[in-house]
């Protein structure tokens, strides 16, 4: 059941009745000055028992602690295979930072206002969003390798565009509920990912707001989530399935072994068929194409020459081993040669604002080395494998 909002509350505030409780949803644009005013006006007039914010614990820490970037363990990121996850997250964050800088506001300022008011009024603060890593991993499981590469390419091109935007355009986007957060921007470009990026989070946010204590609740969420929360908040939802990271599909697991197994079988067939010269040529082709494209990827990332050589040497071998990737090797070498410093970590928020910054910051350069060297090795596997098979058969 929905009631009209009292006349003295902002237009962006939506009142929901849930049994004997009142829930006020404040729909915001995360880089809008007026959204901060909407949040303050609603909380000061409603005086809620509980304030919910569209943040997870990691995003809360990053927002409230500007020094958090200094604690990034880049080697840990590489070892855990999260390089592309972190790079994509950083680039998405850069869009909001760039727009916020143009408007003279702090990204997530309305969330900070809600957090500060919760502390000042002793209201219970609830972090209502699902962890960003779970959201991106569930999305990645849906997209597949080539779609992920397309996504990364579009993010980088978007970063390069550097389009200016004024506050009036921001408010228009807010009215259209298209600028609620960076994940929604990504969902607009990749409709297949909308379920994990938007719909599941609508469900998660709705249930967390339902579970929040207090007779009066203010929930500060992106404008694009308001309608979904309003539709789902009157029902109970099991959140456990939404927090699971699905395992790789059986086909994905098979391909991890089938592709290198097929390549090795082709090499073995060539040697045992008696044409030693052609077999040697196949091995040379494999090394040059696979290693060359992986090295080219590292070079595009402006990696150190030793890193480029390591990608060239590693790729022909790691492509035949499902447990190791050429990008991981190259990334570790790059991080060892040019270990990111505290200064690099301090400059990371500013570095992700431009293509030049991403390419020249030691942290993001390591991430680019991993992603682009892996991409080159993958292309090399298919190109060299297909060429060798065509020559033999």
Protein backbone atom coordinates (compact mmCIF):
# COMPACT_ATOMS: atom_id res chain seq x y z
CA UNK A 1 0.00 0.00 0.00
CA UNK A 2 1.34 3.43 -0.99
CA UNK A 3 0.18 6.74 0.49
CA UNK A 4 0.74 10.26 -0.86
CA UNK A 5 3.93 11.81 0.47
CA UNK A 6 3.38 14.78 2.83
CA UNK A 7 3.52 18.03 0.89
CA UNK A 8 6.61 19.28 2.73
CA UNK A 9 8.81 16.33 1.74
CA UNK A 10 10.92 16.30 -1.46
CA UNK A 11 9.46 15.03 -4.71
CA UNK A 12 12.13 12.30 -4.77
CA UNK A 13 10.79 10.79 -1.52
CA UNK A 14 8.27 7.93 -1.74
CA UNK A 15 6.26 6.78 1.27
CA UNK A 16 5.45 3.08 1.68
CA UNK A 17 3.21 1.58 4.38
CA UNK A 18 4.39 -1.84 5.57
CA UNK A 19 2.05 -3.16 8.28
CA UNK A 20 2.55 -0.69 11.16
CA UNK A 21 5.76 0.78 9.74
CA UNK A 22 6.49 3.71 7.48
CA UNK A 23 9.29 3.45 4.95
CA UNK A 24 10.47 6.51 3.07
CA UNK A 25 12.41 5.75 -0.13
CA UNK A 26 14.60 8.64 -1.28
CA UNK A 27 15.51 8.16 -4.96
CA UNK A 28 18.82 9.83 -5.74
CA UNK A 29 21.38 10.45 -8.45
CA UNK A 30 24.71 9.63 -6.86
CA UNK A 31 26.43 12.74 -8.25
CA UNK A 32 23.66 15.30 -7.73
CA UNK A 33 23.72 18.25 -5.31
CA UNK A 34 19.93 18.26 -5.04
CA UNK A 35 19.98 14.61 -3.97
CA UNK A 36 22.02 15.58 -0.91
CA UNK A 37 19.40 18.21 -0.08
CA UNK A 38 16.60 15.65 -0.60
CA UNK A 39 18.26 13.23 1.82
CA UNK A 40 18.85 15.89 4.47
CA UNK A 41 15.33 17.31 4.21
CA UNK A 42 13.69 13.88 4.44
CA UNK A 43 15.74 12.66 7.43
CA UNK A 44 15.44 15.93 9.35
CA UNK A 45 11.64 16.05 8.93
CA UNK A 46 10.90 12.34 9.35
CA UNK A 47 13.37 11.68 12.21
CA UNK A 48 13.64 7.95 11.43
CA UNK A 49 14.60 5.14 13.81
CA UNK A 50 16.63 3.50 11.03
CA UNK A 51 18.46 4.78 7.96
CA UNK A 52 19.28 2.34 5.14
CA UNK A 53 21.83 3.19 2.47
CA UNK A 54 22.51 1.54 -0.87
CA UNK A 55 26.02 0.47 0.12
CA UNK A 56 27.78 -2.79 0.91
CA UNK A 57 30.56 -3.06 3.48
CA UNK A 58 33.49 -2.61 1.01
CA UNK A 59 31.83 0.38 -0.68
CA UNK A 60 31.01 1.86 2.72
CA UNK A 61 34.67 1.60 3.75
CA UNK A 62 35.88 3.19 0.51
CA UNK A 63 33.35 6.02 0.76
CA UNK A 64 33.97 6.86 4.42
CA UNK A 65 37.72 6.25 4.38
CA UNK A 66 39.53 8.04 1.53
CA UNK A 67 42.75 6.34 2.67
CA UNK A 68 41.33 2.88 1.88
CA UNK A 69 43.05 2.83 -1.54
CA UNK A 70 46.42 2.69 0.24
CA UNK A 71 45.55 -0.77 1.57
CA UNK A 72 44.96 -2.40 -1.81
CA UNK A 73 47.06 -5.58 -1.99
CA UNK A 74 47.82 -5.68 -5.70
CA UNK A 75 49.72 -8.99 -5.47
CA UNK A 76 46.81 -10.53 -3.59
CA UNK A 77 44.47 -9.33 -6.33
CA UNK A 78 46.63 -11.01 -9.00
CA UNK A 79 46.96 -14.29 -7.09
CA UNK A 80 43.21 -14.49 -6.54
CA UNK A 81 42.44 -13.89 -10.23
CA UNK A 82 40.52 -10.66 -9.57
CA UNK A 83 42.49 -8.33 -11.85
CA UNK A 84 39.73 -7.81 -14.41
CA UNK A 85 37.13 -7.55 -11.64
CA UNK A 86 39.06 -4.74 -9.95
CA UNK A 87 39.93 -2.96 -13.20
CA UNK A 88 36.28 -2.96 -14.35
CA UNK A 89 35.14 -1.70 -10.96
CA UNK A 90 37.73 1.11 -11.00
CA UNK A 91 36.75 2.26 -14.49
CA UNK A 92 33.04 2.27 -13.61
CA UNK A 93 33.84 4.31 -10.51
CA UNK A 94 35.71 6.79 -12.70
CA UNK A 95 32.55 7.74 -14.62
CA UNK A 96 30.82 8.96 -11.47
CA UNK A 97 33.98 10.65 -10.19
CA UNK A 98 34.39 12.54 -13.47
CA UNK A 99 30.78 13.75 -13.51
CA UNK A 100 30.93 14.62 -9.82
CA UNK A 101 34.09 16.67 -10.38
CA UNK A 102 32.38 18.61 -13.18
CA UNK A 103 29.51 19.44 -10.81
CA UNK A 104 31.71 20.17 -7.81
CA UNK A 105 30.28 17.41 -5.61
CA UNK A 106 31.72 14.37 -3.87
CA UNK A 107 30.67 11.03 -5.47
CA UNK A 108 28.16 9.42 -3.14
CA UNK A 109 27.69 12.68 -1.21
CA UNK A 110 24.04 11.85 -0.51
CA UNK A 111 25.12 8.55 1.06
CA UNK A 112 27.68 10.36 3.20
CA UNK A 113 24.98 12.81 4.27
CA UNK A 114 22.72 9.92 5.31
CA UNK A 115 25.58 8.25 7.22
CA UNK A 116 26.45 11.48 9.04
CA UNK A 117 22.81 12.15 9.96
CA UNK A 118 22.43 8.59 11.26
CA UNK A 119 25.39 9.17 13.59
CA UNK A 120 24.16 12.59 14.70
CA UNK A 121 20.63 11.36 15.46
CA UNK A 122 21.66 7.95 16.87
CA UNK A 123 19.52 6.26 14.22
CA UNK A 124 20.37 2.67 13.33
CA UNK A 125 22.45 2.55 10.12
CA UNK A 126 21.88 -0.39 7.76
CA UNK A 127 24.11 -1.21 4.77
CA UNK A 128 21.43 -2.59 2.48
CA UNK A 129 23.20 -3.48 -0.77
CA UNK A 130 24.76 -6.77 -1.83
CA UNK A 131 28.56 -6.88 -1.90
CA UNK A 132 29.89 -5.48 -5.16
CA UNK A 133 32.21 -8.45 -5.73
CA UNK A 134 29.30 -10.91 -5.59
CA UNK A 135 27.30 -8.76 -8.01
CA UNK A 136 30.16 -8.54 -10.52
CA UNK A 137 31.03 -12.25 -10.22
CA UNK A 138 27.42 -13.30 -10.77
CA UNK A 139 27.32 -10.95 -13.75
CA UNK A 140 30.60 -12.31 -15.12
CA UNK A 141 29.26 -15.85 -14.92
CA UNK A 142 26.45 -14.80 -17.26
CA UNK A 143 28.47 -12.85 -19.81
CA UNK A 144 31.23 -15.17 -20.93
CA UNK A 145 34.80 -14.28 -21.93
CA UNK A 146 34.19 -12.39 -25.19
CA UNK A 147 31.32 -10.34 -23.78
CA UNK A 148 33.56 -9.40 -20.85
CA UNK A 149 36.20 -8.23 -23.32
CA UNK A 150 33.57 -6.20 -25.16
CA UNK A 151 32.49 -4.70 -21.86
CA UNK A 152 36.04 -3.76 -20.92
CA UNK A 153 36.59 -2.21 -24.37
CA UNK A 154 33.44 -0.11 -24.10
CA UNK A 155 34.38 1.01 -20.60
CA UNK A 156 37.81 2.11 -21.82
CA UNK A 157 36.32 3.94 -24.83
CA UNK A 158 33.82 5.60 -22.50
CA UNK A 159 36.70 6.66 -20.27
CA UNK A 160 38.48 8.13 -23.27
CA UNK A 161 35.45 10.11 -24.43
CA UNK A 162 35.61 12.57 -21.51
CA UNK A 163 32.19 14.04 -22.36
CA UNK A 164 31.17 17.12 -20.40
CA UNK A 165 27.78 17.10 -18.67
CA UNK A 166 26.00 19.87 -16.77
CA UNK A 167 23.77 19.75 -13.71
CA UNK A 168 20.57 20.20 -15.71
CA UNK A 169 21.40 17.09 -17.73
CA UNK A 170 22.09 15.22 -14.49
CA UNK A 171 18.65 16.13 -13.18
CA UNK A 172 17.05 15.07 -16.47
CA UNK A 173 18.81 11.74 -16.25
CA UNK A 174 17.68 11.45 -12.66
CA UNK A 175 14.06 12.01 -13.71
CA UNK A 176 14.47 9.24 -16.28
CA UNK A 177 15.94 6.99 -13.56
CA UNK A 178 19.00 6.22 -15.68
CA UNK A 179 21.80 7.55 -13.51
CA UNK A 180 21.17 5.67 -10.27
CA UNK A 181 24.61 4.06 -10.25
CA UNK A 182 27.47 2.85 -12.42
CA UNK A 183 26.09 -0.69 -12.44
CA UNK A 184 22.87 0.54 -14.01
CA UNK A 185 24.86 2.27 -16.76
CA UNK A 186 26.52 -1.06 -17.44
CA UNK A 187 23.16 -2.85 -17.45
CA UNK A 188 21.86 -0.41 -20.08
CA UNK A 189 24.69 -1.47 -22.41
CA UNK A 190 24.44 -5.19 -21.63
CA UNK A 191 20.76 -6.19 -21.21
CA UNK A 192 21.71 -9.80 -20.45
CA UNK A 193 23.37 -8.55 -17.28
CA UNK A 194 20.33 -6.53 -16.09
CA UNK A 195 19.02 -9.35 -13.91
CA UNK A 196 22.16 -9.55 -11.76
CA UNK A 197 23.07 -5.86 -11.85
CA UNK A 198 19.62 -4.38 -11.22
CA UNK A 199 16.75 -6.83 -10.63
CA UNK A 200 18.54 -9.00 -8.07
CA UNK A 201 19.75 -5.94 -6.22
CA UNK A 202 16.20 -4.53 -6.16
CA UNK A 203 15.17 -7.75 -4.41
CA UNK A 204 18.15 -7.66 -2.06
CA UNK A 205 17.60 -4.00 -1.14
CA UNK A 206 13.87 -4.55 -0.60
CA UNK A 207 14.45 -7.43 1.79
CA UNK A 208 17.20 -5.62 3.71
CA UNK A 209 14.89 -2.63 4.14
CA UNK A 210 12.10 -4.97 5.29
CA UNK A 211 14.46 -6.53 7.83
CA UNK A 212 15.65 -3.17 9.15
CA UNK A 213 14.29 -2.41 12.60
CA UNK A 214 12.28 0.61 13.64
CA UNK A 215 8.80 1.96 13.06
CA UNK A 216 10.08 4.68 10.75
CA UNK A 217 12.74 3.95 8.13
CA UNK A 218 14.42 6.18 5.55
CA UNK A 219 16.11 4.27 2.71
CA UNK A 220 18.50 6.19 0.45
CA UNK A 221 18.77 4.39 -2.90
CA UNK A 222 19.50 5.18 -6.53
CA UNK A 223 16.46 6.50 -8.39
CA UNK A 224 16.56 3.51 -10.74
CA UNK A 225 15.93 1.12 -7.84
CA UNK A 226 12.84 2.85 -6.42
CA UNK A 227 10.24 1.18 -8.63
CA UNK A 228 11.75 -2.30 -8.18
CA UNK A 229 11.88 -1.91 -4.40
CA UNK A 230 8.28 -0.64 -4.28
CA UNK A 231 7.14 -3.72 -6.21
CA UNK A 232 9.07 -6.21 -4.08
CA UNK A 233 9.08 -4.87 -0.55
CA UNK A 234 5.67 -6.31 0.39
CA UNK A 235 6.90 -9.91 -0.02
CA UNK A 236 9.51 -11.97 1.82
CA UNK A 237 12.57 -12.98 -0.21
CA UNK A 238 15.28 -15.57 0.45
CA UNK A 239 18.58 -13.77 -0.08
CA UNK A 240 20.88 -16.82 0.16
CA UNK A 241 20.51 -17.77 -3.54
CA UNK A 242 21.33 -14.18 -4.51
CA UNK A 243 24.62 -14.32 -2.61
CA UNK A 244 25.94 -17.45 -4.29
CA UNK A 245 28.58 -17.21 -7.00
CA UNK A 246 27.57 -19.84 -9.56
CA UNK A 247 30.28 -22.33 -10.48
CA UNK A 248 31.61 -22.46 -14.02
CA UNK A 249 29.34 -24.31 -16.42
CA UNK A 250 30.23 -27.89 -17.33
CA UNK A 251 31.07 -26.67 -20.83
CA UNK A 252 33.41 -24.04 -19.44
CA UNK A 253 35.21 -26.65 -17.35
CA UNK A 254 35.43 -29.02 -20.30
CA UNK A 255 36.82 -26.33 -22.62
CA UNK A 256 39.55 -25.46 -20.10
CA UNK A 257 40.88 -28.99 -20.60
CA UNK A 258 39.62 -29.74 -24.11
CA UNK A 259 41.39 -26.85 -25.87
CA UNK A 260 44.90 -27.51 -24.49
CA UNK A 261 44.31 -31.26 -24.80
CA UNK A 262 43.41 -30.84 -28.47
CA UNK A 263 46.49 -28.72 -29.14
CA UNK A 264 48.77 -31.27 -27.45
CA UNK A 265 47.08 -34.07 -29.42
CA UNK A 266 47.71 -32.18 -32.68
CA UNK A 267 51.39 -31.80 -31.78
CA UNK A 268 51.62 -35.51 -30.90
CA UNK A 269 49.90 -36.52 -34.13
CA UNK A 270 52.37 -34.45 -36.12
CA UNK A 271 55.41 -36.01 -34.47
CA UNK A 272 54.15 -39.60 -34.66
CA UNK A 273 52.93 -39.24 -38.24
CA UNK A 274 56.57 -39.01 -39.28
CA UNK A 275 56.69 -35.47 -40.63
CA UNK A 276 59.25 -34.06 -38.20
CA UNK A 277 59.80 -30.86 -40.19
CA UNK A 278 56.13 -29.97 -40.22
CA UNK A 279 55.91 -30.74 -36.49
CA UNK A 280 58.79 -28.39 -35.77
CA UNK A 281 57.09 -25.72 -37.88
CA UNK A 282 53.89 -26.21 -35.85
CA UNK A 283 55.75 -25.71 -32.58
CA UNK A 284 57.42 -22.57 -33.94
CA UNK A 285 54.06 -21.22 -35.13
CA UNK A 286 52.54 -21.93 -31.72
CA UNK A 287 55.31 -20.10 -29.88
CA UNK A 288 55.43 -17.12 -32.23
CA UNK A 289 51.68 -16.54 -32.52
CA UNK A 290 50.63 -17.33 -28.95
CA UNK A 291 53.65 -15.72 -27.34
CA UNK A 292 53.69 -12.83 -29.79
CA UNK A 293 50.05 -11.82 -29.22
CA UNK A 294 50.37 -12.10 -25.45
CA UNK A 295 53.53 -9.98 -25.57
CA UNK A 296 51.71 -7.49 -27.79
CA UNK A 297 48.94 -7.22 -25.19
CA UNK A 298 51.52 -6.51 -22.48
CA UNK A 299 53.21 -3.95 -24.74
CA UNK A 300 49.90 -2.16 -25.35
CA UNK A 301 49.63 -1.87 -21.56
CA UNK A 302 53.05 -0.13 -21.64
CA UNK A 303 54.60 -2.95 -19.63
CA UNK A 304 58.32 -3.08 -18.84
CA UNK A 305 60.35 -4.82 -21.59
CA UNK A 306 61.14 -7.69 -19.21
CA UNK A 307 57.40 -8.09 -18.61
CA UNK A 308 56.77 -8.20 -22.36
CA UNK A 309 59.42 -10.93 -22.71
CA UNK A 310 57.90 -12.86 -19.80
CA UNK A 311 54.49 -12.77 -21.51
CA UNK A 312 56.06 -14.06 -24.73
CA UNK A 313 57.80 -16.93 -22.92
CA UNK A 314 54.90 -17.82 -20.63
CA UNK A 315 51.96 -17.78 -23.05
CA UNK A 316 52.87 -20.84 -25.19
CA UNK A 317 53.22 -22.89 -21.98
CA UNK A 318 50.39 -21.47 -19.86
CA UNK A 319 47.95 -21.88 -22.76
CA UNK A 320 48.44 -25.62 -22.33
CA UNK A 321 47.89 -25.44 -18.56
CA UNK A 322 44.36 -24.66 -17.29
CA UNK A 323 45.67 -23.63 -13.87
CA UNK A 324 47.98 -20.79 -14.95
CA UNK A 325 47.43 -17.80 -17.23
CA UNK A 326 50.03 -15.80 -19.12
CA UNK A 327 48.55 -12.55 -17.78
CA UNK A 328 49.09 -13.66 -14.19
CA UNK A 329 52.74 -14.36 -14.89
CA UNK A 330 53.22 -11.06 -16.73
CA UNK A 331 51.32 -9.14 -14.05
CA UNK A 332 53.45 -10.58 -11.25
CA UNK A 333 56.62 -9.75 -13.18
CA UNK A 334 55.40 -6.20 -13.79
CA UNK A 335 54.50 -5.78 -10.10
CA UNK A 336 57.91 -7.12 -9.10
CA UNK A 337 59.83 -4.83 -11.48
CA UNK A 338 57.75 -1.73 -10.75
CA UNK A 339 56.11 -2.40 -7.43
CA UNK A 340 53.19 0.00 -6.81
CA UNK A 341 54.08 2.51 -4.11
CA UNK A 342 51.93 4.19 -1.50
CA UNK A 343 51.99 7.27 -3.75
CA UNK A 344 50.55 5.23 -6.65
CA UNK A 345 47.77 4.01 -4.38
CA UNK A 346 47.12 7.54 -3.12
CA UNK A 347 46.85 8.78 -6.71
CA UNK A 348 44.60 5.93 -7.81
CA UNK A 349 41.27 7.82 -7.42
CA UNK A 350 42.60 10.60 -9.67
CA UNK A 351 44.37 8.22 -12.08
CA UNK A 352 41.16 6.41 -13.04
CA UNK A 353 39.67 9.68 -14.27
CA UNK A 354 41.46 9.43 -17.63
CA UNK A 355 42.91 6.92 -20.07
CA UNK A 356 46.35 8.44 -19.58
CA UNK A 357 46.05 8.05 -15.84
CA UNK A 358 44.93 4.43 -16.08
CA UNK A 359 47.84 3.59 -18.37
CA UNK A 360 50.49 5.36 -16.32
CA UNK A 361 49.52 4.56 -12.73
CA UNK A 362 51.56 1.58 -11.52
CA UNK A 363 48.51 -0.13 -9.97
CA UNK A 364 46.20 0.08 -12.98
CA UNK A 365 49.07 -0.68 -15.37
CA UNK A 366 49.59 -4.03 -13.62
CA UNK A 367 45.87 -4.77 -14.00
CA UNK A 368 45.99 -3.82 -17.68
CA UNK A 369 49.01 -6.07 -18.21
CA UNK A 370 47.10 -9.03 -16.75
CA UNK A 371 43.95 -8.44 -18.80
CA UNK A 372 45.60 -7.58 -22.14
CA UNK A 373 48.28 -10.29 -21.94
CA UNK A 374 45.55 -12.86 -21.20
CA UNK A 375 43.47 -11.54 -24.10
CA UNK A 376 46.45 -11.83 -26.46
CA UNK A 377 47.19 -15.37 -25.29
CA UNK A 378 43.56 -16.40 -25.78
CA UNK A 379 43.50 -14.99 -29.31
CA UNK A 380 46.83 -16.70 -29.99
CA UNK A 381 45.48 -20.06 -28.83
CA UNK A 382 42.59 -19.99 -31.29
CA UNK A 383 44.56 -18.50 -34.20
CA UNK A 384 47.64 -20.69 -33.82
CA UNK A 385 45.62 -23.81 -32.98
CA UNK A 386 43.39 -23.38 -36.01
CA UNK A 387 46.32 -22.67 -38.32
CA UNK A 388 48.29 -25.70 -37.11
CA UNK A 389 45.28 -27.98 -37.47
CA UNK A 390 44.62 -26.71 -41.00
CA UNK A 391 48.24 -27.36 -42.02
CA UNK A 392 48.23 -30.88 -40.64
CA UNK A 393 44.84 -32.05 -41.87
